[in-house]
C-alpha atoms as a PDB file:
ATOM      1  CA  UNK A   1      -8.515   0.170 -20.015  1.00  0.00           C
ATOM      2  CA  UNK A   2      -6.352   2.433 -18.144  1.00  0.00           C
ATOM      3  CA  UNK A   3      -3.000   0.703 -17.336  1.00  0.00           C
ATOM      4  CA  UNK A   4      -3.093  -0.424 -13.628  1.00  0.00           C
ATOM      5  CA  UNK A   5      -1.554   1.285 -11.071  1.00  0.00           C
ATOM      6  CA  UNK A   6       1.513  -0.039  -9.173  1.00  0.00           C
ATOM      7  CA  UNK A   7       1.246  -0.412  -5.163  1.00  0.00           C
ATOM      8  CA  UNK A   8       4.296  -1.013  -3.262  1.00  0.00           C
ATOM      9  CA  UNK A   9       4.745  -2.243   0.407  1.00  0.00           C
ATOM     10  CA  UNK A  10       7.974  -1.925   1.997  1.00  0.00           C
ATOM     11  CA  UNK A  11       9.084  -5.514   3.343  1.00  0.00           C
ATOM     12  CA  UNK A  12      12.340  -3.871   5.401  1.00  0.00           C
ATOM     13  CA  UNK A  13      12.399  -5.506   8.465  1.00  0.00           C
ATOM     14  CA  UNK A  14      12.004  -1.961  10.260  1.00  0.00           C
ATOM     15  CA  UNK A  15       8.686  -1.604   8.288  1.00  0.00           C
ATOM     16  CA  UNK A  16       7.946  -5.416   9.332  1.00  0.00           C
ATOM     17  CA  UNK A  17       8.228  -4.919  13.133  1.00  0.00           C
ATOM     18  CA  UNK A  18       5.989  -1.974  12.783  1.00  0.00           C
ATOM     19  CA  UNK A  19       3.132  -3.716  11.542  1.00  0.00           C
ATOM     20  CA  UNK A  20       3.043  -3.903   8.085  1.00  0.00           C
ATOM     21  CA  UNK A  21       2.443  -7.934   8.064  1.00  0.00           C
ATOM     22  CA  UNK A  22      -1.300  -6.484   8.676  1.00  0.00           C
ATOM     23  CA  UNK A  23      -1.384  -3.809   6.777  1.00  0.00           C
ATOM     24  CA  UNK A  24      -0.587  -6.460   3.561  1.00  0.00           C
ATOM     25  CA  UNK A  25      -3.842  -8.304   4.845  1.00  0.00           C
ATOM     26  CA  UNK A  26      -5.563  -5.323   5.042  1.00  0.00           C
ATOM     27  CA  UNK A  27      -4.714  -3.941   1.730  1.00  0.00           C
ATOM     28  CA  UNK A  28      -5.418  -7.648  -0.021  1.00  0.00           C
ATOM     29  CA  UNK A  29      -8.581  -8.124   1.032  1.00  0.00           C
ATOM     30  CA  UNK A  30      -9.410  -4.239   0.113  1.00  0.00           C
ATOM     31  CA  UNK A  31      -8.258  -4.771  -3.372  1.00  0.00           C
ATOM     32  CA  UNK A  32     -10.424  -8.361  -3.362  1.00  0.00           C
ATOM     33  CA  UNK A  33     -13.621  -6.186  -1.447  1.00  0.00           C
ATOM     34  CA  UNK A  34     -13.249  -3.456  -3.604  1.00  0.00           C
ATOM     35  CA  UNK A  35     -13.203  -5.702  -7.173  1.00  0.00           C
ATOM     36  CA  UNK A  36      -9.515  -3.832  -7.987  1.00  0.00           C
ATOM     37  CA  UNK A  37      -7.535  -6.909  -8.228  1.00  0.00           C
ATOM     38  CA  UNK A  38      -7.080  -6.059 -12.001  1.00  0.00           C
ATOM     39  CA  UNK A  39      -6.770  -2.517 -11.471  1.00  0.00           C
ATOM     40  CA  UNK A  40      -4.533  -2.453  -8.842  1.00  0.00           C
ATOM     41  CA  UNK A  41      -1.007  -4.367  -8.982  1.00  0.00           C
ATOM     42  CA  UNK A  42       0.211  -4.636  -5.310  1.00  0.00           C
ATOM     43  CA  UNK A  43       3.882  -5.645  -4.886  1.00  0.00           C
ATOM     44  CA  UNK A  44       6.301  -6.402  -1.898  1.00  0.00           C
ATOM     45  CA  UNK A  45       9.277  -3.917  -2.044  1.00  0.00           C
ATOM     46  CA  UNK A  46      12.688  -3.907  -0.548  1.00  0.00           C
ATOM     47  CA  UNK A  47      13.655  -1.284   1.991  1.00  0.00           C
ATOM     48  CA  UNK A  48      12.443   2.467   0.836  1.00  0.00           C
ATOM     49  CA  UNK A  49      14.834   3.850   2.775  1.00  0.00           C
ATOM     50  CA  UNK A  50      12.763   5.904   5.274  1.00  0.00           C
ATOM     51  CA  UNK A  51      12.686   2.915   8.353  1.00  0.00           C
ATOM     52  CA  UNK A  52      12.158   6.068  10.805  1.00  0.00           C
ATOM     53  CA  UNK A  53       8.811   7.051   9.034  1.00  0.00           C
ATOM     54  CA  UNK A  54       7.657   3.343   8.344  1.00  0.00           C
ATOM     55  CA  UNK A  55       5.771   1.316   7.405  1.00  0.00           C
ATOM     56  CA  UNK A  56       5.883   2.792   4.164  1.00  0.00           C
ATOM     57  CA  UNK A  57       4.425   2.180   0.618  1.00  0.00           C
ATOM     58  CA  UNK A  58       4.701   3.786  -2.378  1.00  0.00           C
ATOM     59  CA  UNK A  59       1.781   4.602  -5.486  1.00  0.00           C
ATOM     60  CA  UNK A  60       2.982   4.414  -8.780  1.00  0.00           C
ATOM     61  CA  UNK A  61       6.390   6.399  -9.257  1.00  0.00           C
ATOM     62  CA  UNK A  62       5.763   9.602  -7.123  1.00  0.00           C
ATOM     63  CA  UNK A  63       3.788   8.624  -3.986  1.00  0.00           C
ATOM     64  CA  UNK A  64       5.484   7.878  -0.686  1.00  0.00           C
ATOM     65  CA  UNK A  65       3.634   7.504   2.325  1.00  0.00           C
ATOM     66  CA  UNK A  66       4.847   7.148   5.451  1.00  0.00           C
ATOM     67  CA  UNK A  67       3.809   5.992   8.713  1.00  0.00           C
ATOM     68  CA  UNK A  68       0.944   3.752   7.469  1.00  0.00           C
ATOM     69  CA  UNK A  69      -1.511   2.760  10.376  1.00  0.00           C
ATOM     70  CA  UNK A  70      -4.148  -0.028  10.460  1.00  0.00           C
ATOM     71  CA  UNK A  71      -6.713   2.830  11.221  1.00  0.00           C
ATOM     72  CA  UNK A  72      -5.918   4.814   8.614  1.00  0.00           C
ATOM     73  CA  UNK A  73      -4.895   3.314   5.238  1.00  0.00           C
ATOM     74  CA  UNK A  74      -8.689   2.528   4.327  1.00  0.00           C
ATOM     75  CA  UNK A  75      -8.746   6.401   4.175  1.00  0.00           C
ATOM     76  CA  UNK A  76      -5.511   6.665   2.128  1.00  0.00           C
ATOM     77  CA  UNK A  77      -6.470   3.450  -0.391  1.00  0.00           C
ATOM     78  CA  UNK A  78     -10.188   5.539  -0.955  1.00  0.00           C
ATOM     79  CA  UNK A  79      -8.472   8.523  -2.014  1.00  0.00           C
ATOM     80  CA  UNK A  80      -6.051   7.210  -4.107  1.00  0.00           C
ATOM     81  CA  UNK A  81      -8.416   4.457  -6.077  1.00  0.00           C
ATOM     82  CA  UNK A  82     -11.996   5.614  -5.337  1.00  0.00           C
ATOM     83  CA  UNK A  83     -11.656   6.571  -8.981  1.00  0.00           C
ATOM     84  CA  UNK A  84     -10.741   2.995 -10.158  1.00  0.00           C
ATOM     85  CA  UNK A  85     -14.007   1.285  -8.290  1.00  0.00           C
END
């Protein structure tokens, strides 16, 4: 089996005030619904330094996605994790 992907979501106060609590719940449900819990390691992260562009998440070491919204998160997750399904 290939190594699990790591997904970090910023839990800094700015991202929190911009709605990342709802995003965390959505991502957890998405991973469960798509049977990705053993293929994607989902973690919270301290401030990513892009507060004005948050909420932010990072996939792996090199993909930073800024300005995440509930209306756009599923499309992002599908794009990034579709080959793991």
